[in-house]
């Protein structure tokens, strides 16, 4: 799942405001805190697939 972490972090710094709060939280936990999808799901109270989908949408927004 991880794209170039440095690139994604830089894009987040510039365009992070385009993301929802859930996407920002998942992004931070995944890229900055280095938590796994399962760990994020447990912390956020959503499914692992939900975390994956949220990250995928966030990455698509940032790359677009």
N, C-alpha and C. Protein backbone atom coordinates (compact mmCIF):
# COMPACT_ATOMS: atom_id res chain seq x y z
N UNK A 1 0.82 -1.20 0.00
CA UNK A 1 0.00 0.00 0.00
C UNK A 1 0.86 1.25 0.00
N UNK A 2 1.96 1.25 0.76
CA UNK A 2 2.72 2.49 0.90
C UNK A 2 3.32 2.94 -0.41
N UNK A 3 2.92 4.13 -0.83
CA UNK A 3 3.62 4.80 -1.92
C UNK A 3 4.90 5.35 -1.31
N UNK A 4 5.64 6.10 -2.06
CA UNK A 4 6.84 6.72 -1.52
C UNK A 4 6.43 7.57 -0.32
N UNK A 5 6.86 7.16 0.87
CA UNK A 5 6.42 7.81 2.10
C UNK A 5 6.82 9.28 2.14
N UNK A 6 8.01 9.61 1.68
CA UNK A 6 8.45 11.00 1.68
C UNK A 6 7.57 11.84 0.76
N UNK A 7 7.30 11.33 -0.43
CA UNK A 7 6.45 12.05 -1.38
C UNK A 7 5.05 12.26 -0.79
N UNK A 8 4.49 11.22 -0.19
CA UNK A 8 3.15 11.33 0.37
C UNK A 8 3.11 12.33 1.52
N UNK A 9 4.14 12.32 2.35
CA UNK A 9 4.20 13.25 3.48
C UNK A 9 4.30 14.69 2.99
N UNK A 10 5.11 14.92 1.96
CA UNK A 10 5.22 16.27 1.41
C UNK A 10 3.90 16.73 0.80
N UNK A 11 3.24 15.83 0.07
CA UNK A 11 1.94 16.17 -0.51
C UNK A 11 0.92 16.47 0.59
N UNK A 12 0.98 15.70 1.67
CA UNK A 12 0.07 15.92 2.79
C UNK A 12 0.30 17.30 3.40
N UNK A 13 1.57 17.71 3.52
CA UNK A 13 1.88 19.02 4.08
C UNK A 13 1.25 20.14 3.25
N UNK A 14 1.24 19.98 1.93
CA UNK A 14 0.68 21.01 1.06
C UNK A 14 -0.84 20.90 0.90
N UNK A 15 -1.34 19.69 0.77
CA UNK A 15 -2.74 19.49 0.38
C UNK A 15 -3.59 18.76 1.42
N UNK A 16 -3.07 18.60 2.61
CA UNK A 16 -3.77 17.86 3.65
C UNK A 16 -5.16 18.39 3.98
N UNK A 17 -5.36 19.67 3.78
CA UNK A 17 -6.66 20.26 4.09
C UNK A 17 -7.78 19.76 3.18
N UNK A 18 -7.42 19.13 2.06
CA UNK A 18 -8.42 18.56 1.16
C UNK A 18 -9.02 17.27 1.70
N UNK A 19 -8.38 16.70 2.72
CA UNK A 19 -8.80 15.41 3.25
C UNK A 19 -9.80 15.58 4.39
N UNK A 20 -10.61 14.54 4.59
CA UNK A 20 -11.53 14.53 5.72
C UNK A 20 -10.72 14.27 7.00
N UNK A 21 -11.35 14.49 8.14
CA UNK A 21 -10.66 14.24 9.41
C UNK A 21 -10.27 12.77 9.53
N UNK A 22 -11.15 11.87 9.11
CA UNK A 22 -10.84 10.44 9.18
C UNK A 22 -9.64 10.11 8.30
N UNK A 23 -9.61 10.67 7.10
CA UNK A 23 -8.49 10.43 6.20
C UNK A 23 -7.19 10.99 6.78
N UNK A 24 -7.26 12.18 7.37
CA UNK A 24 -6.07 12.77 7.99
C UNK A 24 -5.55 11.90 9.12
N UNK A 25 -6.47 11.41 9.95
CA UNK A 25 -6.08 10.57 11.07
C UNK A 25 -5.43 9.28 10.59
N UNK A 26 -6.07 8.60 9.64
CA UNK A 26 -5.52 7.36 9.10
C UNK A 26 -4.17 7.61 8.45
N UNK A 27 -4.06 8.68 7.69
CA UNK A 27 -2.80 9.03 7.02
C UNK A 27 -1.70 9.24 8.04
N UNK A 28 -1.98 10.01 9.08
CA UNK A 28 -0.99 10.30 10.11
C UNK A 28 -0.54 9.02 10.81
N UNK A 29 -1.49 8.19 11.19
CA UNK A 29 -1.15 6.96 11.90
C UNK A 29 -0.36 6.01 11.01
N UNK A 30 -0.67 5.98 9.74
CA UNK A 30 0.00 5.05 8.82
C UNK A 30 1.38 5.55 8.40
N UNK A 31 1.46 6.79 7.95
CA UNK A 31 2.72 7.31 7.42
C UNK A 31 3.64 7.90 8.48
N UNK A 32 3.08 8.57 9.48
CA UNK A 32 3.93 9.24 10.47
C UNK A 32 4.17 8.39 11.71
N UNK A 33 3.15 7.64 12.15
CA UNK A 33 3.29 6.81 13.35
C UNK A 33 3.70 5.38 13.00
N UNK A 34 3.65 5.03 11.71
CA UNK A 34 4.04 3.71 11.20
C UNK A 34 3.23 2.57 11.81
N UNK A 35 1.94 2.80 12.03
CA UNK A 35 1.05 1.75 12.51
C UNK A 35 0.57 0.92 11.34
N UNK A 36 0.23 -0.32 11.61
CA UNK A 36 -0.31 -1.20 10.57
C UNK A 36 -1.78 -0.89 10.36
N UNK A 37 -2.33 -1.42 9.27
CA UNK A 37 -3.76 -1.22 9.00
C UNK A 37 -4.61 -1.77 10.15
N UNK A 38 -4.22 -2.92 10.65
CA UNK A 38 -4.94 -3.54 11.76
C UNK A 38 -4.90 -2.69 13.03
N UNK A 39 -3.74 -2.13 13.32
CA UNK A 39 -3.60 -1.28 14.51
C UNK A 39 -4.44 -0.01 14.38
N UNK A 40 -4.44 0.57 13.19
CA UNK A 40 -5.24 1.78 12.95
C UNK A 40 -6.72 1.45 13.08
N UNK A 41 -7.12 0.32 12.51
CA UNK A 41 -8.53 -0.09 12.57
C UNK A 41 -8.98 -0.25 14.02
N UNK A 42 -8.15 -0.87 14.82
CA UNK A 42 -8.49 -1.07 16.23
C UNK A 42 -8.61 0.27 16.95
N UNK A 43 -7.66 1.16 16.71
CA UNK A 43 -7.66 2.47 17.37
C UNK A 43 -8.84 3.33 16.92
N UNK A 44 -9.17 3.29 15.62
CA UNK A 44 -10.23 4.14 15.07
C UNK A 44 -11.61 3.51 15.21
N UNK A 45 -11.67 2.24 15.54
CA UNK A 45 -12.95 1.57 15.69
C UNK A 45 -13.64 1.30 14.36
N UNK A 46 -12.84 1.08 13.32
CA UNK A 46 -13.39 0.74 12.01
C UNK A 46 -12.70 -0.52 11.51
N UNK A 47 -13.18 -1.07 10.40
CA UNK A 47 -12.59 -2.29 9.88
C UNK A 47 -11.24 -2.00 9.21
N UNK A 48 -10.46 -3.06 9.08
CA UNK A 48 -9.18 -2.95 8.38
C UNK A 48 -9.41 -2.49 6.94
N UNK A 49 -10.45 -3.03 6.31
CA UNK A 49 -10.79 -2.63 4.94
C UNK A 49 -11.17 -1.15 4.90
N UNK A 50 -11.86 -0.67 5.92
CA UNK A 50 -12.22 0.75 6.00
C UNK A 50 -10.99 1.64 6.05
N UNK A 51 -9.99 1.20 6.80
CA UNK A 51 -8.73 1.95 6.88
C UNK A 51 -8.06 1.95 5.52
N UNK A 52 -8.00 0.78 4.89
CA UNK A 52 -7.38 0.67 3.56
C UNK A 52 -8.08 1.60 2.57
N UNK A 53 -9.41 1.58 2.55
CA UNK A 53 -10.16 2.42 1.62
C UNK A 53 -9.93 3.90 1.89
N UNK A 54 -9.90 4.27 3.17
CA UNK A 54 -9.68 5.67 3.53
C UNK A 54 -8.30 6.13 3.09
N UNK A 55 -7.28 5.29 3.30
CA UNK A 55 -5.93 5.64 2.86
C UNK A 55 -5.84 5.72 1.34
N UNK A 56 -6.49 4.79 0.66
CA UNK A 56 -6.45 4.80 -0.81
C UNK A 56 -7.09 6.08 -1.36
N UNK A 57 -8.21 6.48 -0.78
CA UNK A 57 -8.86 7.73 -1.22
C UNK A 57 -7.98 8.94 -0.91
N UNK A 58 -7.39 8.95 0.28
CA UNK A 58 -6.50 10.06 0.65
C UNK A 58 -5.31 10.16 -0.29
N UNK A 59 -4.69 9.02 -0.60
CA UNK A 59 -3.54 9.02 -1.51
C UNK A 59 -3.96 9.49 -2.90
N UNK A 60 -5.12 9.05 -3.36
CA UNK A 60 -5.61 9.48 -4.69
C UNK A 60 -5.83 10.98 -4.73
N UNK A 61 -6.40 11.53 -3.66
CA UNK A 61 -6.65 12.98 -3.60
C UNK A 61 -5.32 13.73 -3.61
N UNK A 62 -4.38 13.28 -2.82
CA UNK A 62 -3.09 13.97 -2.74
C UNK A 62 -2.29 13.87 -4.03
N UNK A 63 -2.37 12.73 -4.69
CA UNK A 63 -1.63 12.56 -5.95
C UNK A 63 -2.28 13.29 -7.12
N UNK A 64 -3.58 13.55 -7.01
CA UNK A 64 -4.30 14.24 -8.07
C UNK A 64 -4.03 15.71 -7.97
